[in-house]
């Protein structure tokens, strides 16, 4: 989605809407750094103060994270997701693991029953990116790729309510993945997710749920 020049007032509200659209559409994925203030001024054709006000508003709502000296990063895809991230920032990680198990095992079982051929293609691609991220050695890239695979499993369940709830908990889940994986990737702690995809492909709901549950927290075992 290309940014368009702002033409109508109030400028701040319109800029907020355009930046939010970049986030919710996926043009600026969670974890990515958005264009600099100067770049946004040029792209949007508005004053620097207007851009700054819009960015601060979205940061206040939990969509953006302003990191001094580093830039501004996408934190969540919706205001509710931002609220959930703040609400559970200090949650007990064992309890987050239980929440993940509840949602992801159910999603995997549903996905095994409802998946389409297109879902299998997307899951295979996500799994490939996950493996590539592991071999890159970058822990944060791996966390993002692993989260994307689990999101693809949830999407394959074809339950809009489950998908929305999981998306709103996205940063909570990624924070747990960071805790689980640790600051660096260690070879003997790699947890294959091939079994999840195989079970979904074979329409084995029971095994898909078991495989999904087995993957949670396995890095720390």
Protein backbone atom coordinates (compact mmCIF):
# COMPACT_ATOMS: atom_id res chain seq x y z
CA UNK A 1 0.00 0.00 0.00
CA UNK A 2 1.65 3.23 -1.14
CA UNK A 3 1.51 6.29 1.07
CA UNK A 4 -0.47 9.10 -0.55
CA UNK A 5 -0.08 12.83 -0.15
CA UNK A 6 -2.41 14.27 2.47
CA UNK A 7 -4.85 16.85 1.09
CA UNK A 8 -7.56 17.38 3.71
CA UNK A 9 -7.69 18.49 7.34
CA UNK A 10 -7.42 17.65 10.15
CA UNK A 11 -3.95 16.67 9.08
CA UNK A 12 -2.97 14.82 12.23
CA UNK A 13 -6.01 12.53 12.10
CA UNK A 14 -5.42 11.78 8.43
CA UNK A 15 -1.76 11.00 8.99
CA UNK A 16 -2.65 8.72 11.91
CA UNK A 17 -5.12 6.91 9.67
CA UNK A 18 -2.56 6.45 6.90
CA UNK A 19 0.14 5.18 9.23
CA UNK A 20 -2.34 2.83 10.92
CA UNK A 21 -3.31 1.50 7.48
CA UNK A 22 0.33 0.70 6.72
CA UNK A 23 0.46 -1.33 9.92
CA UNK A 24 -2.88 -3.13 9.73
CA UNK A 25 -2.38 -4.02 6.04
CA UNK A 26 0.93 -5.71 6.80
CA UNK A 27 2.97 -3.28 4.70
CA UNK A 28 4.87 -2.55 7.91
CA UNK A 29 5.04 -5.93 9.69
CA UNK A 30 5.31 -6.32 13.44
CA UNK A 31 8.94 -5.90 14.45
CA UNK A 32 9.88 -3.80 11.43
CA UNK A 33 11.23 -0.27 11.64
CA UNK A 34 9.03 2.33 9.97
CA UNK A 35 10.45 5.10 7.76
CA UNK A 36 12.26 7.92 9.52
CA UNK A 37 10.48 11.11 10.45
CA UNK A 38 12.15 12.92 7.57
CA UNK A 39 11.10 10.20 5.12
CA UNK A 40 7.50 10.34 6.32
CA UNK A 41 7.45 14.13 5.98
CA UNK A 42 8.55 13.78 2.36
CA UNK A 43 6.17 10.92 1.54
CA UNK A 44 3.12 12.47 3.17
CA UNK A 45 3.77 16.11 2.30
CA UNK A 46 3.04 17.41 5.80
CA UNK A 47 4.98 19.26 8.47
CA UNK A 48 7.42 17.47 10.76
CA UNK A 49 5.32 18.31 13.83
CA UNK A 50 2.27 16.63 12.26
CA UNK A 51 4.21 13.42 11.62
CA UNK A 52 5.67 13.51 15.12
CA UNK A 53 2.21 13.96 16.65
CA UNK A 54 0.81 11.04 14.63
CA UNK A 55 3.69 8.72 15.56
CA UNK A 56 3.36 9.61 19.23
CA UNK A 57 -0.38 8.98 19.12
CA UNK A 58 0.14 5.51 17.65
CA UNK A 59 2.87 4.82 20.19
CA UNK A 60 0.48 5.83 22.97
CA UNK A 61 -2.11 3.42 21.53
CA UNK A 62 0.44 0.59 21.57
CA UNK A 63 0.95 0.17 17.83
CA UNK A 64 4.43 1.71 17.66
CA UNK A 65 7.49 1.58 19.88
CA UNK A 66 9.75 4.67 19.78
CA UNK A 67 13.30 3.63 20.62
CA UNK A 68 15.64 6.53 21.25
CA UNK A 69 18.64 6.41 18.95
CA UNK A 70 17.32 3.39 17.03
CA UNK A 71 14.06 4.39 15.36
CA UNK A 72 10.38 3.58 15.62
CA UNK A 73 9.19 -0.01 15.33
CA UNK A 74 5.84 -1.70 14.79
CA UNK A 75 4.77 -3.27 18.06
CA UNK A 76 1.24 -4.48 17.29
CA UNK A 77 -1.31 -4.55 14.49
CA UNK A 78 -4.22 -3.10 16.44
CA UNK A 79 -4.88 -0.95 19.47
CA UNK A 80 -6.22 -3.99 21.32
CA UNK A 81 -3.02 -5.90 20.56
CA UNK A 82 -1.06 -3.01 22.03
CA UNK A 83 -3.22 -3.04 25.14
CA UNK A 84 -2.76 -6.79 25.51
CA UNK A 85 1.00 -6.40 25.19
CA UNK A 86 1.10 -3.80 27.97
CA UNK A 87 -1.36 -5.72 30.12
CA UNK A 88 0.66 -8.94 30.07
CA UNK A 89 4.19 -7.53 29.78
CA UNK A 90 5.08 -8.93 33.20
CA UNK A 91 2.97 -12.08 33.02
CA UNK A 92 4.31 -15.36 34.38
CA UNK A 93 5.83 -17.11 31.37
CA UNK A 94 4.62 -20.52 32.53
CA UNK A 95 1.07 -19.20 32.41
CA UNK A 96 1.64 -17.70 28.95
CA UNK A 97 2.88 -21.14 27.84
CA UNK A 98 -0.38 -22.64 29.10
CA UNK A 99 -2.34 -20.04 27.13
CA UNK A 100 -0.32 -20.81 24.01
CA UNK A 101 -0.97 -24.51 24.50
CA UNK A 102 -4.71 -23.93 24.83
CA UNK A 103 -4.94 -21.85 21.65
CA UNK A 104 -2.32 -23.52 19.46
CA UNK A 105 -3.24 -27.14 20.12
CA UNK A 106 -6.88 -26.36 19.36
CA UNK A 107 -5.89 -24.45 16.23
CA UNK A 108 -3.67 -27.28 14.99
CA UNK A 109 -6.45 -29.82 15.47
CA UNK A 110 -8.93 -27.64 13.58
CA UNK A 111 -6.39 -26.94 10.86
CA UNK A 112 -5.93 -30.67 10.28
CA UNK A 113 -9.65 -30.99 9.62
CA UNK A 114 -10.24 -27.77 7.68
CA UNK A 115 -6.99 -27.02 5.87
CA UNK A 116 -6.99 -26.37 2.13
CA UNK A 117 -4.26 -27.00 -0.40
CA UNK A 118 -3.51 -23.28 -0.30
CA UNK A 119 -3.12 -23.49 3.48
CA UNK A 120 -0.59 -26.29 3.05
CA UNK A 121 1.38 -24.15 0.60
CA UNK A 122 1.44 -21.23 3.04
CA UNK A 123 2.39 -23.48 5.94
CA UNK A 124 5.23 -25.05 3.98
CA UNK A 125 6.51 -21.62 2.98
CA UNK A 126 6.32 -20.39 6.58
CA UNK A 127 8.13 -23.49 7.79
CA UNK A 128 10.85 -22.92 5.21
CA UNK A 129 11.31 -19.33 6.37
CA UNK A 130 11.49 -20.56 9.96
CA UNK A 131 14.26 -23.01 9.13
CA UNK A 132 16.10 -20.37 7.10
CA UNK A 133 15.90 -17.92 10.01
CA UNK A 134 17.33 -20.55 12.36
CA UNK A 135 20.28 -21.16 10.08
CA UNK A 136 20.87 -17.40 9.79
CA UNK A 137 21.74 -17.37 13.48
CA UNK A 138 19.66 -14.26 14.25
CA UNK A 139 17.47 -14.96 17.29
CA UNK A 140 14.99 -12.16 16.63
CA UNK A 141 14.55 -13.17 12.98
CA UNK A 142 13.87 -16.69 14.17
CA UNK A 143 11.30 -15.53 16.72
CA UNK A 144 9.45 -13.57 14.04
CA UNK A 145 9.57 -16.51 11.59
CA UNK A 146 8.47 -19.01 14.23
CA UNK A 147 5.58 -16.74 15.23
CA UNK A 148 4.57 -16.44 11.57
CA UNK A 149 4.41 -20.23 11.25
CA UNK A 150 2.14 -20.55 14.28
CA UNK A 151 0.00 -17.72 12.92
CA UNK A 152 -0.31 -19.68 9.67
CA UNK A 153 -1.49 -22.73 11.62
CA UNK A 154 -4.14 -20.60 13.33
CA UNK A 155 -5.20 -19.17 9.96
CA UNK A 156 -5.57 -22.71 8.58
CA UNK A 157 -8.10 -23.44 11.34
CA UNK A 158 -10.52 -21.09 9.51
CA UNK A 159 -12.02 -19.72 12.71
CA UNK A 160 -12.19 -15.92 12.44
CA UNK A 161 -12.70 -15.40 16.17
CA UNK A 162 -9.74 -17.59 17.09
CA UNK A 163 -7.58 -15.84 14.50
CA UNK A 164 -8.55 -12.39 15.81
CA UNK A 165 -7.87 -13.33 19.44
CA UNK A 166 -4.52 -14.88 18.51
CA UNK A 167 -3.53 -11.81 16.49
CA UNK A 168 -4.40 -9.50 19.38
CA UNK A 169 -2.17 -11.64 21.61
CA UNK A 170 0.59 -11.65 19.00
CA UNK A 171 3.20 -9.65 20.87
CA UNK A 172 2.45 -11.56 24.08
CA UNK A 173 3.15 -14.77 22.18
CA UNK A 174 6.32 -13.38 20.59
CA UNK A 175 7.56 -12.27 24.02
CA UNK A 176 7.12 -15.85 25.22
CA UNK A 177 8.98 -17.14 22.18
CA UNK A 178 11.87 -14.78 22.97
CA UNK A 179 11.90 -16.11 26.53
CA UNK A 180 11.78 -19.69 25.25
CA UNK A 181 14.48 -19.30 22.60
CA UNK A 182 16.79 -17.06 24.63
CA UNK A 183 19.15 -14.33 23.41
CA UNK A 184 21.06 -16.61 21.05
CA UNK A 185 20.32 -19.69 19.00
CA UNK A 186 21.85 -22.90 20.35
CA UNK A 187 22.07 -25.83 17.93
CA UNK A 188 20.98 -28.60 20.30
CA UNK A 189 17.87 -26.66 21.33
CA UNK A 190 16.36 -26.54 17.85
CA UNK A 191 12.77 -27.83 17.84
CA UNK A 192 11.52 -29.12 14.49
CA UNK A 193 7.96 -28.24 13.52
CA UNK A 194 7.83 -30.74 10.66
CA UNK A 195 5.53 -32.96 12.69
CA UNK A 196 2.91 -30.23 13.00
CA UNK A 197 2.78 -29.71 9.25
CA UNK A 198 2.85 -33.44 8.51
CA UNK A 199 -0.11 -34.09 10.82
CA UNK A 200 -2.09 -31.21 9.33
CA UNK A 201 -1.30 -32.45 5.84
CA UNK A 202 -2.48 -35.96 6.76
CA UNK A 203 -5.65 -34.59 8.43
CA UNK A 204 -4.66 -36.22 11.71
CA UNK A 205 -6.23 -33.81 14.21
CA UNK A 206 -5.15 -35.65 17.34
CA UNK A 207 -1.51 -35.84 16.28
CA UNK A 208 -1.51 -32.23 15.10
CA UNK A 209 -2.64 -31.10 18.55
CA UNK A 210 -0.03 -33.26 20.27
CA UNK A 211 2.76 -31.99 18.00
CA UNK A 212 1.73 -28.37 18.56
CA UNK A 213 1.67 -28.85 22.32
CA UNK A 214 5.02 -30.62 22.31
CA UNK A 215 6.67 -27.67 20.57
CA UNK A 216 5.71 -25.16 23.28
CA UNK A 217 8.50 -24.56 25.73
CA UNK A 218 10.62 -27.30 24.22
CA UNK A 219 13.64 -25.02 23.73
CA UNK A 220 14.02 -24.74 27.51
CA UNK A 221 13.70 -28.44 28.26
